[in-house]
Amino acid sequence: MSHTPHTPLPWKATDSRTGIFSAGEPLGKNKIIGICAVDAVSRPLSENIANADFILTACNSHYDLLEALEKIANLDGRYRPAYVKEIAISAIAKARRAP
């Protein structure tokens, strides 16, 4: 797996909702960094939009989910079950949030 840094998060959808760009890197007026386009002409537009939404949600929630799992994995056995549940619920909410 490559360890090359990716374009800064968050990523956002274009107005068409089938393109993805970086909203995490200020570049000045009218400048954006395009990440990808989900424009499979053989698929319905609604499916392309759903795929772009899925990519955005997965990428934008990745580090929060990773952090939550690391916190849970590093608990030393004296944890409170409610604390573990709070961590998990917070990460799940982030992952389920629409892009």
N, C-alpha and C. Protein backbone atom coordinates (compact mmCIF):
# COMPACT_ATOMS: atom_id res chain seq x y z
N MET A 1 0.84 -1.18 0.00
CA MET A 1 0.00 0.00 0.00
C MET A 1 0.88 1.24 0.00
N SER A 2 0.51 2.20 -0.78
CA SER A 2 1.27 3.44 -0.89
C SER A 2 1.02 4.32 0.33
N HIS A 3 2.04 5.04 0.73
CA HIS A 3 1.89 5.98 1.84
C HIS A 3 1.95 7.42 1.36
N THR A 4 1.73 7.64 0.08
CA THR A 4 1.71 8.98 -0.48
C THR A 4 0.50 9.72 0.07
N PRO A 5 0.70 10.93 0.59
CA PRO A 5 -0.44 11.68 1.13
C PRO A 5 -1.47 11.97 0.04
N HIS A 6 -2.72 11.88 0.42
CA HIS A 6 -3.78 12.20 -0.53
C HIS A 6 -4.13 13.68 -0.43
N THR A 7 -4.95 14.12 -1.33
CA THR A 7 -5.42 15.50 -1.33
C THR A 7 -6.18 15.76 -0.03
N PRO A 8 -5.98 16.93 0.58
CA PRO A 8 -6.61 17.21 1.88
C PRO A 8 -8.13 17.05 1.87
N LEU A 9 -8.63 16.58 2.99
CA LEU A 9 -10.07 16.47 3.23
C LEU A 9 -10.57 17.77 3.84
N PRO A 10 -11.85 18.06 3.84
CA PRO A 10 -12.91 17.22 3.30
C PRO A 10 -12.99 17.33 1.78
N TRP A 11 -13.55 16.28 1.20
CA TRP A 11 -13.87 16.31 -0.23
C TRP A 11 -15.35 16.60 -0.35
N LYS A 12 -15.74 17.25 -1.43
CA LYS A 12 -17.15 17.61 -1.64
C LYS A 12 -17.57 17.25 -3.04
N ALA A 13 -18.87 17.23 -3.24
CA ALA A 13 -19.43 16.93 -4.57
C ALA A 13 -19.55 18.22 -5.39
N THR A 14 -19.41 18.06 -6.69
CA THR A 14 -19.66 19.17 -7.60
C THR A 14 -21.17 19.41 -7.66
N ASP A 15 -21.57 20.48 -8.34
CA ASP A 15 -23.00 20.77 -8.46
C ASP A 15 -23.76 19.63 -9.14
N SER A 16 -23.10 18.92 -10.05
CA SER A 16 -23.76 17.79 -10.73
C SER A 16 -23.90 16.57 -9.82
N ARG A 17 -23.15 16.58 -8.71
CA ARG A 17 -23.08 15.51 -7.72
C ARG A 17 -22.41 14.25 -8.24
N THR A 18 -21.81 14.30 -9.43
CA THR A 18 -21.07 13.15 -9.94
C THR A 18 -19.57 13.39 -9.94
N GLY A 19 -19.15 14.58 -9.61
CA GLY A 19 -17.73 14.92 -9.51
C GLY A 19 -17.35 15.14 -8.06
N ILE A 20 -16.09 14.92 -7.75
CA ILE A 20 -15.59 15.08 -6.39
C ILE A 20 -14.37 16.00 -6.44
N PHE A 21 -14.34 16.99 -5.53
CA PHE A 21 -13.21 17.90 -5.48
C PHE A 21 -12.78 18.12 -4.04
N SER A 22 -11.59 18.66 -3.88
CA SER A 22 -11.07 18.93 -2.54
C SER A 22 -11.59 20.26 -2.05
N ALA A 23 -12.23 20.24 -0.88
CA ALA A 23 -12.66 21.47 -0.24
C ALA A 23 -11.72 21.77 0.93
N GLY A 24 -10.70 20.95 1.10
CA GLY A 24 -9.80 21.09 2.24
C GLY A 24 -8.51 21.82 1.94
N GLU A 25 -8.37 22.30 0.73
CA GLU A 25 -7.13 22.97 0.36
C GLU A 25 -7.44 24.32 -0.28
N PRO A 26 -7.16 25.41 0.41
CA PRO A 26 -7.44 26.72 -0.17
C PRO A 26 -6.47 27.02 -1.31
N LEU A 27 -7.01 27.32 -2.47
CA LEU A 27 -6.18 27.61 -3.63
C LEU A 27 -6.44 28.97 -4.23
N GLY A 28 -7.40 29.68 -3.69
CA GLY A 28 -7.71 30.99 -4.25
C GLY A 28 -9.00 30.94 -5.06
N LYS A 29 -9.38 32.08 -5.55
CA LYS A 29 -10.66 32.24 -6.25
C LYS A 29 -10.74 31.35 -7.49
N ASN A 30 -11.85 30.63 -7.61
CA ASN A 30 -12.17 29.80 -8.78
C ASN A 30 -11.16 28.69 -9.05
N LYS A 31 -10.45 28.23 -8.04
CA LYS A 31 -9.52 27.13 -8.24
C LYS A 31 -9.92 25.97 -7.34
N ILE A 32 -9.98 24.79 -7.91
CA ILE A 32 -10.28 23.58 -7.15
C ILE A 32 -9.35 22.47 -7.59
N ILE A 33 -9.24 21.46 -6.77
CA ILE A 33 -8.51 20.26 -7.15
C ILE A 33 -9.54 19.17 -7.39
N GLY A 34 -9.65 18.70 -8.62
CA GLY A 34 -10.56 17.62 -8.94
C GLY A 34 -10.00 16.29 -8.45
N ILE A 35 -10.81 15.50 -7.79
CA ILE A 35 -10.40 14.20 -7.28
C ILE A 35 -10.80 13.12 -8.28
N CYS A 36 -12.07 13.07 -8.63
CA CYS A 36 -12.53 12.09 -9.61
C CYS A 36 -13.91 12.47 -10.11
N ALA A 37 -14.31 11.84 -11.18
CA ALA A 37 -15.66 11.99 -11.72
C ALA A 37 -16.27 10.60 -11.80
N VAL A 38 -17.52 10.50 -11.40
CA VAL A 38 -18.23 9.23 -11.45
C VAL A 38 -19.29 9.40 -12.54
N ASP A 39 -18.85 9.22 -13.77
CA ASP A 39 -19.71 9.47 -14.93
C ASP A 39 -19.77 8.26 -15.86
N ALA A 40 -20.14 7.12 -15.33
CA ALA A 40 -20.26 5.92 -16.17
C ALA A 40 -21.48 6.10 -17.06
N VAL A 41 -21.27 6.29 -18.36
CA VAL A 41 -22.39 6.56 -19.26
C VAL A 41 -23.33 5.37 -19.40
N SER A 42 -22.85 4.18 -19.08
CA SER A 42 -23.71 2.99 -19.18
C SER A 42 -24.57 2.78 -17.94
N ARG A 43 -24.42 3.64 -16.94
CA ARG A 43 -25.18 3.50 -15.70
C ARG A 43 -26.13 4.69 -15.56
N PRO A 44 -27.23 4.52 -14.84
CA PRO A 44 -28.16 5.63 -14.62
C PRO A 44 -27.49 6.74 -13.80
N LEU A 45 -27.92 7.96 -14.06
CA LEU A 45 -27.38 9.11 -13.33
C LEU A 45 -27.54 8.92 -11.82
N SER A 46 -28.67 8.40 -11.39
CA SER A 46 -28.90 8.20 -9.95
C SER A 46 -27.86 7.26 -9.34
N GLU A 47 -27.42 6.25 -10.10
CA GLU A 47 -26.40 5.34 -9.61
C GLU A 47 -25.04 6.03 -9.54
N ASN A 48 -24.72 6.84 -10.54
CA ASN A 48 -23.47 7.61 -10.50
C ASN A 48 -23.44 8.54 -9.29
N ILE A 49 -24.55 9.20 -9.03
CA ILE A 49 -24.63 10.09 -7.86
C ILE A 49 -24.47 9.28 -6.57
N ALA A 50 -25.14 8.14 -6.49
CA ALA A 50 -25.03 7.29 -5.30
C ALA A 50 -23.59 6.82 -5.10
N ASN A 51 -22.90 6.48 -6.18
CA ASN A 51 -21.50 6.05 -6.08
C ASN A 51 -20.61 7.19 -5.60
N ALA A 52 -20.82 8.38 -6.14
CA ALA A 52 -20.03 9.54 -5.69
C ALA A 52 -20.31 9.84 -4.21
N ASP A 53 -21.58 9.77 -3.81
CA ASP A 53 -21.94 9.98 -2.39
C ASP A 53 -21.24 8.96 -1.50
N PHE A 54 -21.20 7.70 -1.96
CA PHE A 54 -20.56 6.64 -1.17
C PHE A 54 -19.06 6.92 -1.02
N ILE A 55 -18.40 7.30 -2.10
CA ILE A 55 -16.97 7.63 -2.05
C ILE A 55 -16.73 8.78 -1.08
N LEU A 56 -17.55 9.83 -1.17
CA LEU A 56 -17.39 10.98 -0.28
C LEU A 56 -17.57 10.60 1.18
N THR A 57 -18.63 9.85 1.47
CA THR A 57 -18.89 9.45 2.86
C THR A 57 -17.77 8.58 3.39
N ALA A 58 -17.33 7.62 2.60
CA ALA A 58 -16.26 6.71 3.06
C ALA A 58 -14.96 7.47 3.29
N CYS A 59 -14.59 8.31 2.35
CA CYS A 59 -13.32 9.03 2.48
C CYS A 59 -13.36 10.06 3.60
N ASN A 60 -14.44 10.82 3.69
CA ASN A 60 -14.52 11.88 4.70
C ASN A 60 -14.66 11.34 6.12
N SER A 61 -15.14 10.10 6.27
CA SER A 61 -15.29 9.53 7.62
C SER A 61 -14.15 8.58 7.97
N HIS A 62 -13.27 8.29 7.03
CA HIS A 62 -12.21 7.29 7.24
C HIS A 62 -11.40 7.54 8.51
N TYR A 63 -10.86 8.71 8.70
CA TYR A 63 -9.97 8.96 9.83
C TYR A 63 -10.71 8.96 11.17
N ASP A 64 -11.96 9.40 11.18
CA ASP A 64 -12.76 9.35 12.41
C ASP A 64 -13.03 7.89 12.80
N LEU A 65 -13.36 7.06 11.81
CA LEU A 65 -13.60 5.64 12.09
C LEU A 65 -12.32 4.96 12.57
N LEU A 66 -11.20 5.26 11.92
CA LEU A 66 -9.92 4.69 12.32
C LEU A 66 -9.56 5.11 13.74
N GLU A 67 -9.75 6.37 14.06
CA GLU A 67 -9.45 6.87 15.40
C GLU A 67 -10.32 6.17 16.45
N ALA A 68 -11.61 6.00 16.14
CA ALA A 68 -12.51 5.33 17.08
C ALA A 68 -12.08 3.89 17.32
N LEU A 69 -11.74 3.18 16.26
CA LEU A 69 -11.30 1.80 16.42
C LEU A 69 -9.99 1.71 17.20
N GLU A 70 -9.08 2.65 16.96
CA GLU A 70 -7.81 2.65 17.71
C GLU A 70 -8.06 2.91 19.20
N LYS A 71 -8.98 3.82 19.51
CA LYS A 71 -9.31 4.08 20.92
C LYS A 71 -9.86 2.81 21.57
N ILE A 72 -10.75 2.13 20.88
CA ILE A 72 -11.34 0.91 21.42
C ILE A 72 -10.26 -0.17 21.58
N ALA A 73 -9.41 -0.31 20.58
CA ALA A 73 -8.36 -1.33 20.63
C ALA A 73 -7.35 -1.06 21.74
N ASN A 74 -7.16 0.20 22.10
CA ASN A 74 -6.16 0.56 23.11
C ASN A 74 -6.71 0.64 24.53
N LEU A 75 -7.97 0.31 24.72
CA LEU A 75 -8.51 0.32 26.08
C LEU A 75 -7.82 -0.74 26.91
N ASP A 76 -7.55 -0.44 28.17
CA ASP A 76 -6.73 -1.34 29.00
C ASP A 76 -7.53 -2.30 29.86
N GLY A 77 -8.79 -2.45 29.64
CA GLY A 77 -9.57 -3.41 30.41
C GLY A 77 -10.33 -2.77 31.56
N ARG A 78 -10.02 -1.52 31.88
CA ARG A 78 -10.73 -0.84 32.97
C ARG A 78 -11.75 0.15 32.40
N TYR A 79 -12.16 -0.10 31.18
CA TYR A 79 -13.08 0.80 30.50
C TYR A 79 -14.49 0.64 31.01
N ARG A 80 -15.27 1.65 30.72
CA ARG A 80 -16.70 1.58 30.97
C ARG A 80 -17.39 1.23 29.66
N PRO A 81 -18.25 0.24 29.64
CA PRO A 81 -18.93 -0.11 28.40
C PRO A 81 -19.63 1.09 27.75
N ALA A 82 -20.14 2.02 28.55
CA ALA A 82 -20.81 3.20 27.99
C ALA A 82 -19.83 4.05 27.18
N TYR A 83 -18.57 4.12 27.62
CA TYR A 83 -17.55 4.89 26.92
C TYR A 83 -17.28 4.27 25.55
N VAL A 84 -17.16 2.96 25.51
CA VAL A 84 -16.94 2.27 24.23
C VAL A 84 -18.13 2.52 23.31
N LYS A 85 -19.33 2.46 23.86
CA LYS A 85 -20.52 2.70 23.06
C LYS A 85 -20.53 4.12 22.51
N GLU A 86 -20.13 5.10 23.31
CA GLU A 86 -20.07 6.50 22.86
C GLU A 86 -19.12 6.64 21.67
N ILE A 87 -17.95 6.02 21.77
CA ILE A 87 -16.96 6.09 20.69
C ILE A 87 -17.55 5.50 19.42
N ALA A 88 -18.15 4.34 19.54
CA ALA A 88 -18.71 3.65 18.37
C ALA A 88 -19.87 4.44 17.77
N ILE A 89 -20.77 4.95 18.59
CA ILE A 89 -21.92 5.71 18.09
C ILE A 89 -21.46 6.96 17.36
N SER A 90 -20.47 7.65 17.89
CA SER A 90 -19.95 8.84 17.24
C SER A 90 -19.35 8.52 15.88
N ALA A 91 -18.57 7.46 15.79
CA ALA A 91 -17.96 7.06 14.52
C ALA A 91 -19.01 6.61 13.52
N ILE A 92 -20.00 5.87 13.98
CA ILE A 92 -21.07 5.41 13.09
C ILE A 92 -21.85 6.60 12.54
N ALA A 93 -22.15 7.56 13.39
CA ALA A 93 -22.88 8.75 12.94
C ALA A 93 -22.11 9.50 11.87
N LYS A 94 -20.82 9.63 12.03
CA LYS A 94 -19.98 10.30 11.04
C LYS A 94 -20.02 9.53 9.72
N ALA A 95 -19.92 8.22 9.78
CA ALA A 95 -19.91 7.41 8.57
C ALA A 95 -21.26 7.42 7.85
N ARG A 96 -22.33 7.58 8.60
CA ARG A 96 -23.68 7.57 7.99
C ARG A 96 -24.10 8.94 7.48
N ARG A 97 -23.39 9.97 7.87
CA ARG A 97 -23.73 11.34 7.47
C ARG A 97 -23.63 11.47 5.96
N ALA A 98 -24.61 12.13 5.36
CA ALA A 98 -24.57 12.37 3.91
C ALA A 98 -23.41 13.30 3.59
N PRO A 99 -22.83 13.13 2.41
CA PRO A 99 -21.69 13.98 2.02
C PRO A 99 -22.07 15.44 1.89
